[in-house]
Amino acid sequence: MYEFCQNFSRKNGWTQETLAELTGLSTRTIYRVEKGDRVGLETWAALAAVFQVSIATLQQPPVEDEVHSMITPEIKTALKKVRRIRDFYIQLSIYVVINLLLLNKKL
């Protein structure tokens, strides 16, 4: 929930004080929410009302966390290998383009 609050607040340009004012909660409570501390049902309800989402939506873990938890060591190794190969081809492409430009400049 804390990521949802931070992202939503940033998107709307809200400070902790603004969010506290809109929800009727204290800035200390908003700080605790953004830090990831446990909060009560009243806090969930106030935030859900301001964000115009259900409490259940706020309580769902972010999709990114789900994806990261599914990544096995084998997948991490494969990702590193793919990134190295990608980086190689990027560097190769840059090398080819620069050499073609230099070749055209000489002609």
C-alpha atoms as a PDB file:
ATOM      1  CA  MET A   1       0.000   0.000   0.000  1.00  0.00           C
ATOM      2  CA  TYR A   2       2.798   2.419   0.787  1.00  0.00           C
ATOM      3  CA  GLU A   3       4.008   2.385  -2.833  1.00  0.00           C
ATOM      4  CA  PHE A   4       0.461   3.006  -4.045  1.00  0.00           C
ATOM      5  CA  CYS A   5       0.148   6.003  -1.714  1.00  0.00           C
ATOM      6  CA  GLN A   6       3.504   7.448  -2.698  1.00  0.00           C
ATOM      7  CA  ASN A   7       2.912   6.964  -6.426  1.00  0.00           C
ATOM      8  CA  PHE A   8      -0.617   8.353  -6.314  1.00  0.00           C
ATOM      9  CA  SER A   9       0.470  11.329  -4.215  1.00  0.00           C
ATOM     10  CA  ARG A  10       3.412  12.132  -6.490  1.00  0.00           C
ATOM     11  CA  LYS A  11       1.231  11.838  -9.567  1.00  0.00           C
ATOM     12  CA  ASN A  12      -1.128  14.425  -8.078  1.00  0.00           C
ATOM     13  CA  GLY A  13       1.650  16.589  -6.650  1.00  0.00           C
ATOM     14  CA  TRP A  14       0.507  15.986  -3.080  1.00  0.00           C
ATOM     15  CA  THR A  15       2.767  16.266  -0.066  1.00  0.00           C
ATOM     16  CA  GLN A  16       2.242  14.219   3.087  1.00  0.00           C
ATOM     17  CA  GLU A  17       0.576  17.264   4.596  1.00  0.00           C
ATOM     18  CA  THR A  18      -1.837  17.574   1.664  1.00  0.00           C
ATOM     19  CA  LEU A  19      -2.740  13.891   1.840  1.00  0.00           C
ATOM     20  CA  ALA A  20      -3.224  14.177   5.600  1.00  0.00           C
ATOM     21  CA  GLU A  21      -5.559  17.126   5.105  1.00  0.00           C
ATOM     22  CA  LEU A  22      -7.568  15.346   2.400  1.00  0.00           C
ATOM     23  CA  THR A  23      -7.930  12.147   4.427  1.00  0.00           C
ATOM     24  CA  GLY A  24      -8.416  13.729   7.826  1.00  0.00           C
ATOM     25  CA  LEU A  25      -5.452  11.737   9.122  1.00  0.00           C
ATOM     26  CA  SER A  26      -2.370  13.077  10.852  1.00  0.00           C
ATOM     27  CA  THR A  27       0.851  13.617   8.935  1.00  0.00           C
ATOM     28  CA  ARG A  28       2.432  11.085  11.317  1.00  0.00           C
ATOM     29  CA  THR A  29      -0.088   8.469  10.144  1.00  0.00           C
ATOM     30  CA  ILE A  30       0.626   9.282   6.500  1.00  0.00           C
ATOM     31  CA  TYR A  31       4.344   8.948   7.248  1.00  0.00           C
ATOM     32  CA  ARG A  32       3.714   5.535   8.834  1.00  0.00           C
ATOM     33  CA  VAL A  33       1.662   4.448   5.817  1.00  0.00           C
ATOM     34  CA  GLU A  34       4.370   5.512   3.366  1.00  0.00           C
ATOM     35  CA  LYS A  35       6.986   3.785   5.501  1.00  0.00           C
ATOM     36  CA  GLY A  36       5.025   0.528   5.259  1.00  0.00           C
ATOM     37  CA  ASP A  37       3.889   0.267   8.880  1.00  0.00           C
ATOM     38  CA  ARG A  38       0.662  -1.507   9.770  1.00  0.00           C
ATOM     39  CA  VAL A  39      -2.394   0.729   9.896  1.00  0.00           C
ATOM     40  CA  GLY A  40      -5.958   0.369  11.095  1.00  0.00           C
ATOM     41  CA  LEU A  41      -9.178  -0.033   9.144  1.00  0.00           C
ATOM     42  CA  GLU A  42     -10.060   3.646   9.567  1.00  0.00           C
ATOM     43  CA  THR A  43      -6.809   4.607   7.859  1.00  0.00           C
ATOM     44  CA  TRP A  44      -7.464   2.150   5.020  1.00  0.00           C
ATOM     45  CA  ALA A  45     -10.967   3.566   4.581  1.00  0.00           C
ATOM     46  CA  ALA A  46      -9.810   7.198   4.573  1.00  0.00           C
ATOM     47  CA  LEU A  47      -7.092   6.518   2.005  1.00  0.00           C
ATOM     48  CA  ALA A  48      -9.401   4.430  -0.175  1.00  0.00           C
ATOM     49  CA  ALA A  49     -11.945   7.254  -0.199  1.00  0.00           C
ATOM     50  CA  VAL A  50      -9.378   9.855  -1.272  1.00  0.00           C
ATOM     51  CA  PHE A  51      -7.812   7.575  -3.897  1.00  0.00           C
ATOM     52  CA  GLN A  52     -11.296   6.499  -5.053  1.00  0.00           C
ATOM     53  CA  VAL A  53     -10.451   2.800  -4.906  1.00  0.00           C
ATOM     54  CA  SER A  54     -11.648  -0.043  -2.729  1.00  0.00           C
ATOM     55  CA  ILE A  55      -9.843  -1.051   0.436  1.00  0.00           C
ATOM     56  CA  ALA A  56      -9.185  -4.423  -1.215  1.00  0.00           C
ATOM     57  CA  THR A  57      -7.366  -2.660  -4.046  1.00  0.00           C
ATOM     58  CA  LEU A  58      -5.127  -0.876  -1.548  1.00  0.00           C
ATOM     59  CA  GLN A  59      -4.404  -4.132   0.260  1.00  0.00           C
ATOM     60  CA  GLN A  60      -3.296  -5.978  -2.865  1.00  0.00           C
ATOM     61  CA  PRO A  61       0.474  -6.283  -3.200  1.00  0.00           C
ATOM     62  CA  PRO A  62       1.984  -4.387  -6.107  1.00  0.00           C
ATOM     63  CA  VAL A  63       2.288  -6.444  -9.280  1.00  0.00           C
ATOM     64  CA  GLU A  64       6.039  -5.779  -9.369  1.00  0.00           C
ATOM     65  CA  ASP A  65       6.461  -7.545  -6.024  1.00  0.00           C
ATOM     66  CA  GLU A  66       4.640 -10.581  -7.387  1.00  0.00           C
ATOM     67  CA  VAL A  67       6.845 -10.681 -10.465  1.00  0.00           C
ATOM     68  CA  HIS A  68      10.051 -10.260  -8.461  1.00  0.00           C
ATOM     69  CA  SER A  69       9.057 -13.058  -6.099  1.00  0.00           C
ATOM     70  CA  MET A  70       8.594 -15.424  -9.064  1.00  0.00           C
ATOM     71  CA  ILE A  71      12.101 -14.863 -10.444  1.00  0.00           C
ATOM     72  CA  THR A  72      14.239 -17.908  -9.726  1.00  0.00           C
ATOM     73  CA  PRO A  73      18.050 -17.928  -9.647  1.00  0.00           C
ATOM     74  CA  GLU A  74      18.030 -19.601 -13.081  1.00  0.00           C
ATOM     75  CA  ILE A  75      15.921 -16.785 -14.501  1.00  0.00           C
ATOM     76  CA  LYS A  76      18.232 -14.188 -12.931  1.00  0.00           C
ATOM     77  CA  THR A  77      21.232 -15.889 -14.542  1.00  0.00           C
ATOM     78  CA  ALA A  78      19.457 -15.995 -17.904  1.00  0.00           C
ATOM     79  CA  LEU A  79      18.526 -12.307 -17.605  1.00  0.00           C
ATOM     80  CA  LYS A  80      22.141 -11.363 -16.910  1.00  0.00           C
ATOM     81  CA  LYS A  81      23.267 -13.334 -19.958  1.00  0.00           C
ATOM     82  CA  VAL A  82      20.636 -11.719 -22.175  1.00  0.00           C
ATOM     83  CA  ARG A  83      21.611  -8.250 -20.913  1.00  0.00           C
ATOM     84  CA  ARG A  84      25.290  -8.917 -21.655  1.00  0.00           C
ATOM     85  CA  ILE A  85      24.411 -10.082 -25.175  1.00  0.00           C
ATOM     86  CA  ARG A  86      22.179  -7.040 -25.669  1.00  0.00           C
ATOM     87  CA  ASP A  87      24.938  -4.722 -24.475  1.00  0.00           C
ATOM     88  CA  PHE A  88      27.384  -6.389 -26.867  1.00  0.00           C
ATOM     89  CA  TYR A  89      25.093  -5.819 -29.852  1.00  0.00           C
ATOM     90  CA  ILE A  90      24.456  -2.225 -28.833  1.00  0.00           C
ATOM     91  CA  GLN A  91      28.196  -1.580 -28.697  1.00  0.00           C
ATOM     92  CA  LEU A  92      28.681  -3.389 -32.005  1.00  0.00           C
ATOM     93  CA  SER A  93      25.974  -1.271 -33.639  1.00  0.00           C
ATOM     94  CA  ILE A  94      27.577   1.917 -32.363  1.00  0.00           C
ATOM     95  CA  TYR A  95      30.958   0.766 -33.667  1.00  0.00           C
ATOM     96  CA  VAL A  96      29.527  -0.011 -37.118  1.00  0.00           C
ATOM     97  CA  VAL A  97      27.656   3.300 -37.369  1.00  0.00           C
ATOM     98  CA  ILE A  98      30.692   5.335 -36.323  1.00  0.00           C
ATOM     99  CA  ASN A  99      32.915   3.504 -38.803  1.00  0.00           C
ATOM    100  CA  LEU A 100      30.404   4.024 -41.602  1.00  0.00           C
ATOM    101  CA  LEU A 101      30.237   7.722 -40.787  1.00  0.00           C
ATOM    102  CA  LEU A 102      34.013   7.967 -40.766  1.00  0.00           C
ATOM    103  CA  LEU A 103      34.228   6.047 -44.032  1.00  0.00           C
ATOM    104  CA  ASN A 104      31.703   8.376 -45.692  1.00  0.00           C
ATOM    105  CA  LYS A 105      33.591  11.388 -44.385  1.00  0.00           C
ATOM    106  CA  LYS A 106      36.800  10.181 -46.062  1.00  0.00           C
ATOM    107  CA  LEU A 107      35.077   9.665 -49.411  1.00  0.00           C
END
